[in-house]
N, C-alpha and C. Protein backbone atom coordinates (compact mmCIF):
# COMPACT_ATOMS: atom_id res chain seq x y z
N MET A 1 -10.65 8.77 -42.79
CA MET A 1 -9.41 8.25 -42.27
C MET A 1 -8.99 9.09 -41.06
N LEU A 2 -8.58 8.43 -40.00
CA LEU A 2 -8.16 9.10 -38.78
C LEU A 2 -6.69 9.50 -38.85
N PRO A 3 -6.34 10.59 -38.16
CA PRO A 3 -4.92 10.97 -38.12
C PRO A 3 -4.14 9.97 -37.27
N PRO A 4 -2.84 9.89 -37.47
CA PRO A 4 -2.04 8.96 -36.66
C PRO A 4 -2.04 9.39 -35.19
N PRO A 5 -1.86 8.43 -34.29
CA PRO A 5 -1.83 8.78 -32.86
C PRO A 5 -0.62 9.65 -32.55
N PRO A 6 -0.72 10.45 -31.50
CA PRO A 6 0.42 11.30 -31.14
C PRO A 6 1.60 10.44 -30.68
N PRO A 7 2.81 10.94 -30.82
CA PRO A 7 3.97 10.16 -30.36
C PRO A 7 3.92 10.02 -28.84
N PRO A 8 4.47 8.93 -28.33
CA PRO A 8 4.44 8.73 -26.87
C PRO A 8 5.27 9.79 -26.15
N ASP A 9 4.80 10.13 -24.96
CA ASP A 9 5.52 11.09 -24.12
C ASP A 9 6.66 10.35 -23.44
N ASN A 10 7.88 10.76 -23.68
CA ASN A 10 9.05 10.06 -23.12
C ASN A 10 9.06 10.04 -21.61
N SER A 11 8.43 11.02 -20.97
CA SER A 11 8.46 11.07 -19.51
C SER A 11 7.55 10.01 -18.89
N LEU A 12 6.67 9.40 -19.69
CA LEU A 12 5.73 8.43 -19.15
C LEU A 12 6.05 6.99 -19.55
N GLN A 13 7.22 6.74 -20.07
CA GLN A 13 7.57 5.40 -20.49
C GLN A 13 7.80 4.50 -19.28
N VAL A 14 7.41 3.25 -19.43
CA VAL A 14 7.61 2.25 -18.38
C VAL A 14 8.93 1.55 -18.64
N VAL A 15 9.72 1.42 -17.61
CA VAL A 15 11.01 0.75 -17.71
C VAL A 15 10.97 -0.48 -16.81
N TYR A 16 11.30 -1.63 -17.35
CA TYR A 16 11.33 -2.86 -16.56
C TYR A 16 12.67 -2.95 -15.84
N ILE A 17 12.60 -3.11 -14.52
CA ILE A 17 13.81 -3.29 -13.72
C ILE A 17 13.62 -4.60 -12.95
N PRO A 18 14.53 -5.56 -13.13
CA PRO A 18 14.32 -6.91 -12.63
C PRO A 18 14.35 -7.10 -11.11
N SER A 19 14.83 -6.12 -10.35
CA SER A 19 14.87 -6.33 -8.91
C SER A 19 14.65 -5.02 -8.17
N LEU A 20 14.22 -5.15 -6.94
CA LEU A 20 14.01 -3.98 -6.10
C LEU A 20 15.33 -3.24 -5.86
N ILE A 21 16.39 -3.98 -5.67
CA ILE A 21 17.70 -3.36 -5.44
C ILE A 21 18.11 -2.52 -6.65
N ALA A 22 17.91 -3.06 -7.84
CA ALA A 22 18.25 -2.32 -9.06
C ALA A 22 17.36 -1.09 -9.21
N ALA A 23 16.08 -1.22 -8.86
CA ALA A 23 15.17 -0.08 -8.96
C ALA A 23 15.59 1.03 -8.01
N LEU A 24 15.94 0.67 -6.79
CA LEU A 24 16.38 1.67 -5.82
C LEU A 24 17.66 2.35 -6.29
N ALA A 25 18.57 1.58 -6.85
CA ALA A 25 19.82 2.15 -7.36
C ALA A 25 19.55 3.10 -8.52
N LYS A 26 18.63 2.72 -9.40
CA LYS A 26 18.31 3.57 -10.55
C LYS A 26 17.70 4.89 -10.09
N LEU A 27 16.91 4.84 -9.02
CA LEU A 27 16.29 6.06 -8.48
C LEU A 27 17.23 6.80 -7.53
N ASP A 28 18.43 6.28 -7.35
CA ASP A 28 19.44 6.87 -6.46
C ASP A 28 18.94 6.95 -5.01
N ILE A 29 18.25 5.89 -4.58
CA ILE A 29 17.75 5.79 -3.21
C ILE A 29 18.72 4.90 -2.45
N LYS A 30 19.29 5.43 -1.40
CA LYS A 30 20.34 4.71 -0.67
C LYS A 30 19.82 4.16 0.66
N VAL A 31 18.67 3.52 0.61
CA VAL A 31 18.07 2.89 1.79
C VAL A 31 18.24 1.38 1.61
N PRO A 32 18.75 0.68 2.63
CA PRO A 32 18.86 -0.77 2.50
C PRO A 32 17.49 -1.41 2.27
N VAL A 33 17.46 -2.41 1.42
CA VAL A 33 16.20 -3.08 1.08
C VAL A 33 15.54 -3.63 2.34
N GLU A 34 16.32 -4.15 3.27
CA GLU A 34 15.75 -4.71 4.49
C GLU A 34 14.98 -3.64 5.27
N ASP A 35 15.54 -2.43 5.35
CA ASP A 35 14.87 -1.33 6.05
C ASP A 35 13.58 -0.94 5.34
N LEU A 36 13.61 -0.92 4.01
CA LEU A 36 12.42 -0.58 3.24
C LEU A 36 11.33 -1.62 3.45
N LEU A 37 11.69 -2.89 3.38
CA LEU A 37 10.71 -3.96 3.59
C LEU A 37 10.17 -3.94 5.02
N ARG A 38 11.02 -3.66 6.00
CA ARG A 38 10.58 -3.57 7.39
C ARG A 38 9.58 -2.43 7.56
N ALA A 39 9.85 -1.29 6.93
CA ALA A 39 8.94 -0.14 7.03
C ALA A 39 7.60 -0.46 6.38
N ILE A 40 7.62 -1.15 5.25
CA ILE A 40 6.37 -1.55 4.59
C ILE A 40 5.60 -2.50 5.49
N HIS A 41 6.29 -3.47 6.07
CA HIS A 41 5.65 -4.44 6.97
C HIS A 41 5.04 -3.74 8.18
N ASP A 42 5.79 -2.83 8.78
CA ASP A 42 5.29 -2.11 9.95
C ASP A 42 4.05 -1.29 9.60
N GLU A 43 4.06 -0.66 8.44
CA GLU A 43 2.91 0.13 8.00
C GLU A 43 1.70 -0.77 7.77
N ASP A 44 1.91 -1.93 7.15
CA ASP A 44 0.82 -2.88 6.93
C ASP A 44 0.25 -3.36 8.26
N GLU A 45 1.12 -3.67 9.22
CA GLU A 45 0.66 -4.12 10.53
C GLU A 45 -0.15 -3.04 11.24
N ALA A 46 0.31 -1.80 11.17
CA ALA A 46 -0.41 -0.69 11.81
C ALA A 46 -1.79 -0.52 11.18
N ARG A 47 -1.86 -0.61 9.86
CA ARG A 47 -3.15 -0.48 9.17
C ARG A 47 -4.08 -1.63 9.54
N ARG A 48 -3.53 -2.85 9.58
CA ARG A 48 -4.33 -4.02 9.92
C ARG A 48 -4.86 -3.90 11.35
N SER A 49 -4.02 -3.45 12.26
CA SER A 49 -4.42 -3.28 13.65
C SER A 49 -5.53 -2.24 13.78
N GLU A 50 -5.37 -1.13 13.05
CA GLU A 50 -6.38 -0.07 13.10
C GLU A 50 -7.72 -0.58 12.57
N LEU A 51 -7.69 -1.32 11.46
CA LEU A 51 -8.93 -1.87 10.91
C LEU A 51 -9.56 -2.87 11.87
N ASN A 52 -8.74 -3.68 12.52
CA ASN A 52 -9.24 -4.65 13.48
C ASN A 52 -9.90 -3.95 14.67
N ASP A 53 -9.24 -2.91 15.19
CA ASP A 53 -9.80 -2.16 16.31
C ASP A 53 -11.13 -1.51 15.93
N ARG A 54 -11.17 -0.95 14.73
CA ARG A 54 -12.40 -0.30 14.26
C ARG A 54 -13.53 -1.33 14.13
N GLY A 55 -13.20 -2.53 13.64
CA GLY A 55 -14.20 -3.58 13.50
C GLY A 55 -14.73 -4.02 14.85
N ILE A 56 -13.84 -4.13 15.84
CA ILE A 56 -14.26 -4.51 17.19
C ILE A 56 -15.21 -3.46 17.75
N GLN A 57 -14.89 -2.20 17.57
CA GLN A 57 -15.76 -1.12 18.07
C GLN A 57 -17.12 -1.16 17.39
N GLN A 58 -17.15 -1.42 16.09
CA GLN A 58 -18.42 -1.47 15.38
C GLN A 58 -19.26 -2.66 15.84
N ARG A 59 -18.62 -3.80 16.09
CA ARG A 59 -19.37 -4.97 16.57
C ARG A 59 -19.93 -4.72 17.97
N ARG A 60 -19.13 -4.08 18.83
CA ARG A 60 -19.61 -3.77 20.18
C ARG A 60 -20.79 -2.81 20.12
N ALA A 61 -20.71 -1.82 19.24
CA ALA A 61 -21.81 -0.86 19.11
C ALA A 61 -23.06 -1.56 18.60
N ALA A 62 -22.91 -2.47 17.65
CA ALA A 62 -24.07 -3.20 17.12
C ALA A 62 -24.67 -4.09 18.19
N LEU A 63 -23.83 -4.78 18.97
CA LEU A 63 -24.34 -5.63 20.04
C LEU A 63 -25.01 -4.80 21.13
N SER A 64 -24.45 -3.65 21.43
CA SER A 64 -25.02 -2.77 22.44
C SER A 64 -26.41 -2.31 22.02
N LYS A 65 -26.56 -1.97 20.74
CA LYS A 65 -27.87 -1.54 20.23
C LYS A 65 -28.89 -2.66 20.31
N SER A 66 -28.45 -3.89 20.07
CA SER A 66 -29.38 -5.02 20.07
C SER A 66 -29.66 -5.53 21.48
N GLY A 67 -28.94 -5.01 22.46
CA GLY A 67 -29.15 -5.44 23.84
C GLY A 67 -28.43 -6.72 24.18
N LYS A 68 -27.51 -7.14 23.36
CA LYS A 68 -26.78 -8.39 23.58
C LYS A 68 -25.30 -8.09 23.79
N GLU A 69 -24.98 -7.29 24.78
CA GLU A 69 -23.57 -6.95 25.03
C GLU A 69 -22.80 -8.18 25.47
N PRO A 70 -21.55 -8.31 25.01
CA PRO A 70 -20.74 -9.47 25.43
C PRO A 70 -20.39 -9.37 26.91
N GLN A 71 -20.21 -10.51 27.52
CA GLN A 71 -19.88 -10.57 28.95
C GLN A 71 -18.42 -10.35 29.16
């Protein structure tokens, strides 16, 4: 027979919060939701742009190696 599992650690409990506004209030974060969403969007756009630029450079390098550089 196995021993019973250890009791859950109270610091790791998951709490359901129905909205982003309520979650920010619970964490005592006083940033407007619009600003937070704008910052997330800007970060996503910057990452997407960086990945796109890197992909373009890799395609150019591959075409250059094959001798088929774009005009």
